[in-house]
Amino acid sequence: MPVNSSNGKLQAHELIERLAPSQVSAVVGMLEALLDPVSRAVANAPIDDEPESEAERRSVAESKAWFKRRGGQGIPHESVVAEFHLPSGKTAKRKR
């Protein structure tokens, strides 16, 4: 049955009233995602169907090999912070 905008919200409210609490939580999450502009933009973004170049394939293979040589471990955050002389999260004052 088609729902027009004037009774659509009413019908939504009625349906929500019939849901179990766990289902309401799921619906709230979905509604928040629908209303969030970033989530909406990601959901509506076109699929990236650009072919992968040979240079990109080599870069991916090199990065996988780098991680394999390091036992699947990346560079620790503390090492990056120290190398670039950045304040650590522990001592830096955060702006609010």
PDB file of N, CA and C in Angstrom:
ATOM      1  N   MET A   1       0.839  -1.161   0.000  1.00  0.00           N
ATOM      2  CA  MET A   1       0.000   0.000   0.000  1.00  0.00           C
ATOM      3  C   MET A   1       0.892   1.235   0.000  1.00  0.00           C
ATOM      4  N   PRO A   2       0.727   2.167  -0.950  1.00  0.00           N
ATOM      5  CA  PRO A   2       1.579   3.348  -1.006  1.00  0.00           C
ATOM      6  C   PRO A   2       1.360   4.242   0.211  1.00  0.00           C
ATOM      7  N   VAL A   3       2.440   4.888   0.622  1.00  0.00           N
ATOM      8  CA  VAL A   3       2.385   5.760   1.786  1.00  0.00           C
ATOM      9  C   VAL A   3       2.713   7.170   1.325  1.00  0.00           C
ATOM     10  N   ASN A   4       1.782   8.139   1.564  1.00  0.00           N
ATOM     11  CA  ASN A   4       2.109   9.512   1.225  1.00  0.00           C
ATOM     12  C   ASN A   4       2.805  10.158   2.416  1.00  0.00           C
ATOM     13  N   SER A   5       3.401  11.334   2.192  1.00  0.00           N
ATOM     14  CA  SER A   5       4.211  11.944   3.244  1.00  0.00           C
ATOM     15  C   SER A   5       3.401  12.319   4.474  1.00  0.00           C
ATOM     16  N   SER A   6       2.127  12.629   4.320  1.00  0.00           N
ATOM     17  CA  SER A   6       1.338  13.048   5.487  1.00  0.00           C
ATOM     18  C   SER A   6       1.062  11.900   6.442  1.00  0.00           C
ATOM     19  N   ASN A   7       0.862  10.697   5.921  1.00  0.00           N
ATOM     20  CA  ASN A   7       0.626   9.600   6.861  1.00  0.00           C
ATOM     21  C   ASN A   7       1.824   8.663   6.976  1.00  0.00           C
ATOM     22  N   GLY A   8       2.890   8.941   6.237  1.00  0.00           N
ATOM     23  CA  GLY A   8       4.094   8.104   6.312  1.00  0.00           C
ATOM     24  C   GLY A   8       4.727   8.111   7.690  1.00  0.00           C
ATOM     25  N   LYS A   9       4.846   9.294   8.278  1.00  0.00           N
ATOM     26  CA  LYS A   9       5.439   9.384   9.612  1.00  0.00           C
ATOM     27  C   LYS A   9       4.550   8.704  10.649  1.00  0.00           C
ATOM     28  N   LEU A  10       3.259   8.873  10.507  1.00  0.00           N
ATOM     29  CA  LEU A  10       2.327   8.234  11.431  1.00  0.00           C
ATOM     30  C   LEU A  10       2.458   6.715  11.338  1.00  0.00           C
ATOM     31  N   GLN A  11       2.517   6.208  10.120  1.00  0.00           N
ATOM     32  CA  GLN A  11       2.663   4.764   9.942  1.00  0.00           C
ATOM     33  C   GLN A  11       3.995   4.284  10.516  1.00  0.00           C
ATOM     34  N   ALA A  12       5.058   5.067  10.320  1.00  0.00           N
ATOM     35  CA  ALA A  12       6.374   4.702  10.867  1.00  0.00           C
ATOM     36  C   ALA A  12       6.309   4.637  12.390  1.00  0.00           C
ATOM     37  N   HIS A  13       5.685   5.626  13.006  1.00  0.00           N
ATOM     38  CA  HIS A  13       5.539   5.633  14.466  1.00  0.00           C
ATOM     39  C   HIS A  13       4.761   4.410  14.937  1.00  0.00           C
ATOM     40  N   GLU A  14       3.685   4.079  14.252  1.00  0.00           N
ATOM     41  CA  GLU A  14       2.876   2.921  14.632  1.00  0.00           C
ATOM     42  C   GLU A  14       3.678   1.623  14.514  1.00  0.00           C
ATOM     43  N   LEU A  15       4.443   1.514  13.460  1.00  0.00           N
ATOM     44  CA  LEU A  15       5.267   0.309  13.281  1.00  0.00           C
ATOM     45  C   LEU A  15       6.341   0.222  14.353  1.00  0.00           C
ATOM     46  N   ILE A  16       6.964   1.346  14.677  1.00  0.00           N
ATOM     47  CA  ILE A  16       8.000   1.352  15.711  1.00  0.00           C
ATOM     48  C   ILE A  16       7.424   0.922  17.054  1.00  0.00           C
ATOM     49  N   GLU A  17       6.216   1.344  17.353  1.00  0.00           N
ATOM     50  CA  GLU A  17       5.566   0.970  18.614  1.00  0.00           C
ATOM     51  C   GLU A  17       5.389  -0.539  18.736  1.00  0.00           C
ATOM     52  N   ARG A  18       5.306  -1.237  17.618  1.00  0.00           N
ATOM     53  CA  ARG A  18       5.083  -2.691  17.633  1.00  0.00           C
ATOM     54  C   ARG A  18       6.376  -3.487  17.714  1.00  0.00           C
ATOM     55  N   LEU A  19       7.524  -2.815  17.630  1.00  0.00           N
ATOM     56  CA  LEU A  19       8.810  -3.510  17.638  1.00  0.00           C
ATOM     57  C   LEU A  19       9.276  -3.866  19.040  1.00  0.00           C
ATOM     58  N   ALA A  20      10.083  -4.925  19.118  1.00  0.00           N
ATOM     59  CA  ALA A  20      10.754  -5.288  20.367  1.00  0.00           C
ATOM     60  C   ALA A  20      11.869  -4.265  20.609  1.00  0.00           C
ATOM     61  N   PRO A  21      12.276  -4.079  21.875  1.00  0.00           N
ATOM     62  CA  PRO A  21      13.331  -3.091  22.167  1.00  0.00           C
ATOM     63  C   PRO A  21      14.603  -3.277  21.339  1.00  0.00           C
ATOM     64  N   SER A  22      15.026  -4.508  21.125  1.00  0.00           N
ATOM     65  CA  SER A  22      16.243  -4.729  20.324  1.00  0.00           C
ATOM     66  C   SER A  22      16.034  -4.304  18.869  1.00  0.00           C
ATOM     67  N   GLN A  23      14.829  -4.460  18.370  1.00  0.00           N
ATOM     68  CA  GLN A  23      14.535  -4.036  17.003  1.00  0.00           C
ATOM     69  C   GLN A  23      14.495  -2.509  16.903  1.00  0.00           C
ATOM     70  N   VAL A  24      13.990  -1.852  17.959  1.00  0.00           N
ATOM     71  CA  VAL A  24      13.953  -0.387  17.974  1.00  0.00           C
ATOM     72  C   VAL A  24      15.382   0.150  17.891  1.00  0.00           C
ATOM     73  N   SER A  25      16.281  -0.472  18.616  1.00  0.00           N
ATOM     74  CA  SER A  25      17.683  -0.047  18.605  1.00  0.00           C
ATOM     75  C   SER A  25      18.259  -0.141  17.189  1.00  0.00           C
ATOM     76  N   ALA A  26      17.940  -1.207  16.486  1.00  0.00           N
ATOM     77  CA  ALA A  26      18.427  -1.372  15.113  1.00  0.00           C
ATOM     78  C   ALA A  26      17.839  -0.305  14.198  1.00  0.00           C
ATOM     79  N   VAL A  27      16.562  -0.012  14.377  1.00  0.00           N
ATOM     80  CA  VAL A  27      15.898   1.008  13.553  1.00  0.00           C
ATOM     81  C   VAL A  27      16.495   2.383  13.822  1.00  0.00           C
ATOM     82  N   VAL A  28      16.774   2.678  15.093  1.00  0.00           N
ATOM     83  CA  VAL A  28      17.378   3.967  15.439  1.00  0.00           C
ATOM     84  C   VAL A  28      18.734   4.100  14.741  1.00  0.00           C
ATOM     85  N   GLY A  29      19.529   3.044  14.766  1.00  0.00           N
ATOM     86  CA  GLY A  29      20.825   3.082  14.080  1.00  0.00           C
ATOM     87  C   GLY A  29      20.673   3.330  12.590  1.00  0.00           C
ATOM     88  N   MET A  30      19.687   2.689  11.993  1.00  0.00           N
ATOM     89  CA  MET A  30      19.448   2.877  10.561  1.00  0.00           C
ATOM     90  C   MET A  30      19.001   4.308  10.268  1.00  0.00           C
ATOM     91  N   LEU A  31      18.107   4.834  11.102  1.00  0.00           N
ATOM     92  CA  LEU A  31      17.636   6.210  10.898  1.00  0.00           C
ATOM     93  C   LEU A  31      18.772   7.215  11.067  1.00  0.00           C
ATOM     94  N   GLU A  32      19.633   6.986  12.049  1.00  0.00           N
ATOM     95  CA  GLU A  32      20.774   7.882  12.238  1.00  0.00           C
ATOM     96  C   GLU A  32      21.682   7.854  11.013  1.00  0.00           C
ATOM     97  N   ALA A  33      21.894   6.666  10.447  1.00  0.00           N
ATOM     98  CA  ALA A  33      22.727   6.558   9.246  1.00  0.00           C
ATOM     99  C   ALA A  33      22.076   7.271   8.067  1.00  0.00           C
ATOM    100  N   LEU A  34      20.761   7.164   7.954  1.00  0.00           N
ATOM    101  CA  LEU A  34      20.055   7.838   6.863  1.00  0.00           C
ATOM    102  C   LEU A  34      20.151   9.356   6.982  1.00  0.00           C
ATOM    103  N   LEU A  35      20.147   9.849   8.204  1.00  0.00           N
ATOM    104  CA  LEU A  35      20.167  11.290   8.431  1.00  0.00           C
ATOM    105  C   LEU A  35      21.569  11.883   8.438  1.00  0.00           C
ATOM    106  N   ASP A  36      22.598  11.041   8.611  1.00  0.00           N
ATOM    107  CA  ASP A  36      23.981  11.501   8.638  1.00  0.00           C
ATOM    108  C   ASP A  36      24.442  11.807   7.217  1.00  0.00           C
ATOM    109  N   PRO A  37      24.857  13.039   6.927  1.00  0.00           N
ATOM    110  CA  PRO A  37      25.229  13.386   5.552  1.00  0.00           C
ATOM    111  C   PRO A  37      26.414  12.593   5.021  1.00  0.00           C
ATOM    112  N   VAL A  38      27.363  12.238   5.871  1.00  0.00           N
ATOM    113  CA  VAL A  38      28.512  11.468   5.402  1.00  0.00           C
ATOM    114  C   VAL A  38      28.084  10.055   5.024  1.00  0.00           C
ATOM    115  N   SER A  39      27.289   9.415   5.881  1.00  0.00           N
ATOM    116  CA  SER A  39      26.801   8.071   5.569  1.00  0.00           C
ATOM    117  C   SER A  39      25.979   8.075   4.287  1.00  0.00           C
ATOM    118  N   ARG A  40      25.159   9.103   4.131  1.00  0.00           N
ATOM    119  CA  ARG A  40      24.326   9.212   2.932  1.00  0.00           C
ATOM    120  C   ARG A  40      25.200   9.392   1.689  1.00  0.00           C
ATOM    121  N   ALA A  41      26.248  10.205   1.804  1.00  0.00           N
ATOM    122  CA  ALA A  41      27.146  10.427   0.667  1.00  0.00           C
ATOM    123  C   ALA A  41      27.881   9.144   0.286  1.00  0.00           C
ATOM    124  N   VAL A  42      28.335   8.399   1.291  1.00  0.00           N
ATOM    125  CA  VAL A  42      29.037   7.139   1.022  1.00  0.00           C
ATOM    126  C   VAL A  42      28.085   6.136   0.367  1.00  0.00           C
ATOM    127  N   ALA A  43      26.873   6.054   0.883  1.00  0.00           N
ATOM    128  CA  ALA A  43      25.895   5.114   0.332  1.00  0.00           C
ATOM    129  C   ALA A  43      25.534   5.456  -1.109  1.00  0.00           C
ATOM    130  N   ASN A  44      25.535   6.736  -1.444  1.00  0.00           N
ATOM    131  CA  ASN A  44      25.143   7.161  -2.790  1.00  0.00           C
ATOM    132  C   ASN A  44      26.324   7.360  -3.735  1.00  0.00           C
ATOM    133  N   ALA A  45      27.523   7.130  -3.260  1.00  0.00           N
ATOM    134  CA  ALA A  45      28.715   7.329  -4.096  1.00  0.00           C
ATOM    135  C   ALA A  45      28.760   6.273  -5.199  1.00  0.00           C
ATOM    136  N   PRO A  46      29.222   6.671  -6.368  1.00  0.00           N
ATOM    137  CA  PRO A  46      29.330   5.687  -7.459  1.00  0.00           C
ATOM    138  C   PRO A  46      30.418   4.659  -7.147  1.00  0.00           C
ATOM    139  N   ILE A  47      30.246   3.483  -7.680  1.00  0.00           N
ATOM    140  CA  ILE A  47      31.230   2.419  -7.506  1.00  0.00           C
ATOM    141  C   ILE A  47      32.491   2.794  -8.268  1.00  0.00           C
ATOM    142  N   ASP A  48      33.640   2.597  -7.626  1.00  0.00           N
ATOM    143  CA  ASP A  48      34.916   2.880  -8.287  1.00  0.00           C
ATOM    144  C   ASP A  48      35.229   1.711  -9.213  1.00  0.00           C
ATOM    145  N   ASP A  49      34.985   1.910 -10.491  1.00  0.00           N
ATOM    146  CA  ASP A  49      35.211   0.837 -11.458  1.00  0.00           C
ATOM    147  C   ASP A  49      36.403   1.128 -12.365  1.00  0.00           C
ATOM    148  N   GLU A  50      37.246   2.073 -11.920  1.00  0.00           N
ATOM    149  CA  GLU A  50      38.445   2.392 -12.695  1.00  0.00           C
ATOM    150  C   GLU A  50      39.399   1.202 -12.629  1.00  0.00           C
ATOM    151  N   PRO A  51      39.912   0.779 -13.775  1.00  0.00           N
ATOM    152  CA  PRO A  51      40.829  -0.367 -13.760  1.00  0.00           C
ATOM    153  C   PRO A  51      42.113  -0.049 -12.980  1.00  0.00           C
ATOM    154  N   GLU A  52      42.631  -1.063 -12.330  1.00  0.00           N
ATOM    155  CA  GLU A  52      43.872  -0.912 -11.578  1.00  0.00           C
ATOM    156  C   GLU A  52      45.044  -0.880 -12.555  1.00  0.00           C
ATOM    157  N   SER A  53      45.927   0.099 -12.373  1.00  0.00           N
ATOM    158  CA  SER A  53      47.089   0.213 -13.274  1.00  0.00           C
ATOM    159  C   SER A  53      48.172  -0.772 -12.849  1.00  0.00           C
ATOM    160  N   GLU A  54      49.116  -0.983 -13.731  1.00  0.00           N
ATOM    161  CA  GLU A  54      50.237  -1.868 -13.417  1.00  0.00           C
ATOM    162  C   GLU A  54      51.036  -1.300 -12.244  1.00  0.00           C
ATOM    163  N   ALA A  55      51.211   0.020 -12.206  1.00  0.00           N
ATOM    164  CA  ALA A  55      51.936   0.652 -11.099  1.00  0.00           C
ATOM    165  C   ALA A  55      51.207   0.422  -9.769  1.00  0.00           C
ATOM    166  N   GLU A  56      49.876   0.509  -9.779  1.00  0.00           N
ATOM    167  CA  GLU A  56      49.108   0.254  -8.564  1.00  0.00           C
ATOM    168  C   GLU A  56      49.245  -1.199  -8.131  1.00  0.00           C
ATOM    169  N   ARG A  57      49.209  -2.126  -9.089  1.00  0.00           N
ATOM    170  CA  ARG A  57      49.371  -3.547  -8.757  1.00  0.00           C
ATOM    171  C   ARG A  57      50.733  -3.802  -8.119  1.00  0.00           C
ATOM    172  N   ARG A  58      51.782  -3.170  -8.674  1.00  0.00           N
ATOM    173  CA  ARG A  58      53.127  -3.327  -8.109  1.00  0.00           C
ATOM    174  C   ARG A  58      53.188  -2.753  -6.694  1.00  0.00           C
ATOM    175  N   SER A  59      52.586  -1.592  -6.497  1.00  0.00           N
ATOM    176  CA  SER A  59      52.598  -0.964  -5.171  1.00  0.00           C
ATOM    177  C   SER A  59      51.897  -1.837  -4.135  1.00  0.00           C
ATOM    178  N   VAL A  60      50.773  -2.407  -4.515  1.00  0.00           N
ATOM    179  CA  VAL A  60      50.044  -3.291  -3.594  1.00  0.00           C
ATOM    180  C   VAL A  60      50.881  -4.521  -3.282  1.00  0.00           C
ATOM    181  N   ALA A  61      51.502  -5.114  -4.294  1.00  0.00           N
ATOM    182  CA  ALA A  61      52.342  -6.297  -4.083  1.00  0.00           C
ATOM    183  C   ALA A  61      53.527  -5.964  -3.173  1.00  0.00           C
ATOM    184  N   GLU A  62      54.134  -4.792  -3.390  1.00  0.00           N
ATOM    185  CA  GLU A  62      55.261  -4.379  -2.545  1.00  0.00           C
ATOM    186  C   GLU A  62      54.816  -4.166  -1.101  1.00  0.00           C
ATOM    187  N   SER A  63      53.658  -3.557  -0.908  1.00  0.00           N
ATOM    188  CA  SER A  63      53.192  -3.324   0.464  1.00  0.00           C
ATOM    189  C   SER A  63      52.870  -4.647   1.159  1.00  0.00           C
ATOM    190  N   LYS A  64      52.281  -5.587   0.426  1.00  0.00           N
ATOM    191  CA  LYS A  64      51.996  -6.904   1.022  1.00  0.00           C
ATOM    192  C   LYS A  64      53.289  -7.614   1.397  1.00  0.00           C
ATOM    193  N   ALA A  65      54.289  -7.518   0.544  1.00  0.00           N
ATOM    194  CA  ALA A  65      55.587  -8.140   0.833  1.00  0.00           C
ATOM    195  C   ALA A  65      56.232  -7.478   2.051  1.00  0.00           C
ATOM    196  N   TRP A  66      56.120  -6.138   2.163  1.00  0.00           N
ATOM    197  CA  TRP A  66      56.683  -5.407   3.303  1.00  0.00           C
ATOM    198  C   TRP A  66      56.052  -5.900   4.598  1.00  0.00           C
ATOM    199  N   PHE A  67      54.721  -6.014   4.610  1.00  0.00           N
ATOM    200  CA  PHE A  67      54.039  -6.502   5.808  1.00  0.00           C
ATOM    201  C   PHE A  67      54.423  -7.943   6.111  1.00  0.00           C
ATOM    202  N   LYS A  68      54.566  -8.763   5.073  1.00  0.00           N
ATOM    203  CA  LYS A  68      54.937 -10.165   5.287  1.00  0.00           C
ATOM    204  C   LYS A  68      56.320 -10.263   5.928  1.00  0.00           C
ATOM    205  N   ARG A  69      57.266  -9.448   5.465  1.00  0.00           N
ATOM    206  CA  ARG A  69      58.618  -9.447   6.047  1.00  0.00           C
ATOM    207  C   ARG A  69      58.579  -9.020   7.513  1.00  0.00           C
ATOM    208  N   ARG A  70      57.628  -8.209   7.883  1.00  0.00           N
ATOM    209  CA  ARG A  70      57.526  -7.702   9.262  1.00  0.00           C
ATOM    210  C   ARG A  70      56.550  -8.539  10.100  1.00  0.00           C
ATOM    211  N   GLY A  71      56.204  -9.717   9.619  1.00  0.00           N
ATOM    212  CA  GLY A  71      55.301 -10.586  10.376  1.00  0.00           C
ATOM    213  C   GLY A  71      53.891 -10.035  10.485  1.00  0.00           C
ATOM    214  N   GLY A  72      53.487  -9.243   9.492  1.00  0.00           N
ATOM    215  CA  GLY A  72      52.137  -8.682   9.487  1.00  0.00           C
ATOM    216  C   GLY A  72      51.974  -7.447  10.355  1.00  0.00           C
ATOM    217  N   GLN A  73      53.072  -6.956  10.912  1.00  0.00           N
ATOM    218  CA  GLN A  73      53.014  -5.800  11.806  1.00  0.00           C
ATOM    219  C   GLN A  73      53.379  -4.515  11.063  1.00  0.00           C
ATOM    220  N   GLY A  74      52.677  -3.446  11.388  1.00  0.00           N
ATOM    221  CA  GLY A  74      52.987  -2.135  10.825  1.00  0.00           C
ATOM    222  C   GLY A  74      54.002  -1.416  11.700  1.00  0.00           C
ATOM    223  N   ILE A  75      54.076  -0.119  11.555  1.00  0.00           N
ATOM    224  CA  ILE A  75      54.981   0.701  12.354  1.00  0.00           C
ATOM    225  C   ILE A  75      54.206   1.185  13.580  1.00  0.00           C
ATOM    226  N   PRO A  76      54.742   0.982  14.765  1.00  0.00           N
ATOM    227  CA  PRO A  76      54.043   1.428  15.972  1.00  0.00           C
ATOM    228  C   PRO A  76      53.815   2.942  15.964  1.00  0.00           C
ATOM    229  N   HIS A  77      52.687   3.344  16.482  1.00  0.00           N
ATOM    230  CA  HIS A  77      52.324   4.758  16.548  1.00  0.00           C
ATOM    231  C   HIS A  77      53.416   5.585  17.223  1.00  0.00           C
ATOM    232  N   GLU A  78      53.938   5.077  18.307  1.00  0.00           N
ATOM    233  CA  GLU A  78      54.957   5.794  19.058  1.00  0.00           C
ATOM    234  C   GLU A  78      56.187   6.075  18.204  1.00  0.00           C
ATOM    235  N   SER A  79      56.556   5.142  17.328  1.00  0.00           N
ATOM    236  CA  SER A  79      57.712   5.339  16.446  1.00  0.00           C
ATOM    237  C   SER A  79      57.462   6.457  15.441  1.00  0.00           C
ATOM    238  N   VAL A  80      56.257   6.509  14.889  1.00  0.00           N
ATOM    239  CA  VAL A  80      55.908   7.562  13.930  1.00  0.00           C
ATOM    240  C   VAL A  80      55.921   8.911  14.627  1.00  0.00           C
ATOM    241  N   VAL A  81      55.330   8.979  15.805  1.00  0.00           N
ATOM    242  CA  VAL A  81      55.291  10.226  16.569  1.00  0.00           C
ATOM    243  C   VAL A  81      56.707  10.709  16.849  1.00  0.00           C
ATOM    244  N   ALA A  82      57.583   9.806  17.277  1.00  0.00           N
ATOM    245  CA  ALA A  82      58.965  10.183  17.593  1.00  0.00           C
ATOM    246  C   ALA A  82      59.716  10.616  16.340  1.00  0.00           C
ATOM    247  N   GLU A  83      59.543   9.894  15.237  1.00  0.00           N
ATOM    248  CA  GLU A  83      60.268  10.209  14.001  1.00  0.00           C
ATOM    249  C   GLU A  83      59.910  11.595  13.470  1.00  0.00           C
ATOM    250  N   PHE A  84      58.646  11.971  13.586  1.00  0.00           N
ATOM    251  CA  PHE A  84      58.200  13.256  13.061  1.00  0.00           C
ATOM    252  C   PHE A  84      58.130  14.347  14.145  1.00  0.00           C
ATOM    253  N   HIS A  85      58.666  14.028  15.331  1.00  0.00           N
ATOM    254  CA  HIS A  85      58.722  14.980  16.435  1.00  0.00           C
ATOM    255  C   HIS A  85      57.342  15.573  16.746  1.00  0.00           C
ATOM    256  N   LEU A  86      56.346  14.691  16.784  1.00  0.00           N
ATOM    257  CA  LEU A  86      54.979  15.102  17.088  1.00  0.00           C
ATOM    258  C   LEU A  86      54.702  14.883  18.568  1.00  0.00           C
ATOM    259  N   PRO A  87      53.805  15.671  19.122  1.00  0.00           N
ATOM    260  CA  PRO A  87      53.459  15.410  20.526  1.00  0.00           C
ATOM    261  C   PRO A  87      52.689  14.096  20.619  1.00  0.00           C
ATOM    262  N   SER A  88      52.967  13.333  21.654  1.00  0.00           N
ATOM    263  CA  SER A  88      52.233  12.077  21.824  1.00  0.00           C
ATOM    264  C   SER A  88      50.841  12.378  22.340  1.00  0.00           C
ATOM    265  N   GLY A  89      49.932  11.477  22.124  1.00  0.00           N
ATOM    266  CA  GLY A  89      48.567  11.652  22.591  1.00  0.00           C
ATOM    267  C   GLY A  89      48.475  11.731  24.097  1.00  0.00           C
ATOM    268  N   LYS A  90      49.464  11.182  24.779  1.00  0.00           N
ATOM    269  CA  LYS A  90      49.440  11.151  26.243  1.00  0.00           C
ATOM    270  C   LYS A  90      49.760  12.518  26.844  1.00  0.00           C
ATOM    271  N   THR A  91      50.631  13.279  26.171  1.00  0.00           N
ATOM    272  CA  THR A  91      51.035  14.557  26.742  1.00  0.00           C
ATOM    273  C   THR A  91      50.444  15.753  26.025  1.00  0.00           C
ATOM    274  N   ALA A  92      49.921  15.542  24.820  1.00  0.00           N
ATOM    275  CA  ALA A  92      49.372  16.659  24.048  1.00  0.00           C
ATOM    276  C   ALA A  92      48.040  17.098  24.639  1.00  0.00           C
ATOM    277  N   LYS A  93      47.832  18.410  24.683  1.00  0.00           N
ATOM    278  CA  LYS A  93      46.540  18.922  25.134  1.00  0.00           C
ATOM    279  C   LYS A  93      45.587  18.896  23.958  1.00  0.00           C
ATOM    280  N   ARG A  94      44.403  18.367  24.192  1.00  0.00           N
ATOM    281  CA  ARG A  94      43.412  18.272  23.138  1.00  0.00           C
ATOM    282  C   ARG A  94      42.525  19.493  23.149  1.00  0.00           C
ATOM    283  N   LYS A  95      42.246  20.018  21.960  1.00  0.00           N
ATOM    284  CA  LYS A  95      41.321  21.129  21.830  1.00  0.00           C
ATOM    285  C   LYS A  95      39.908  20.602  21.888  1.00  0.00           C
ATOM    286  N   ARG A  96      39.045  21.328  22.554  1.00  0.00           N
ATOM    287  CA  ARG A  96      37.645  20.920  22.634  1.00  0.00           C
ATOM    288  C   ARG A  96      36.777  21.998  22.120  1.00  0.00           C
TER     289      ARG A  96
END
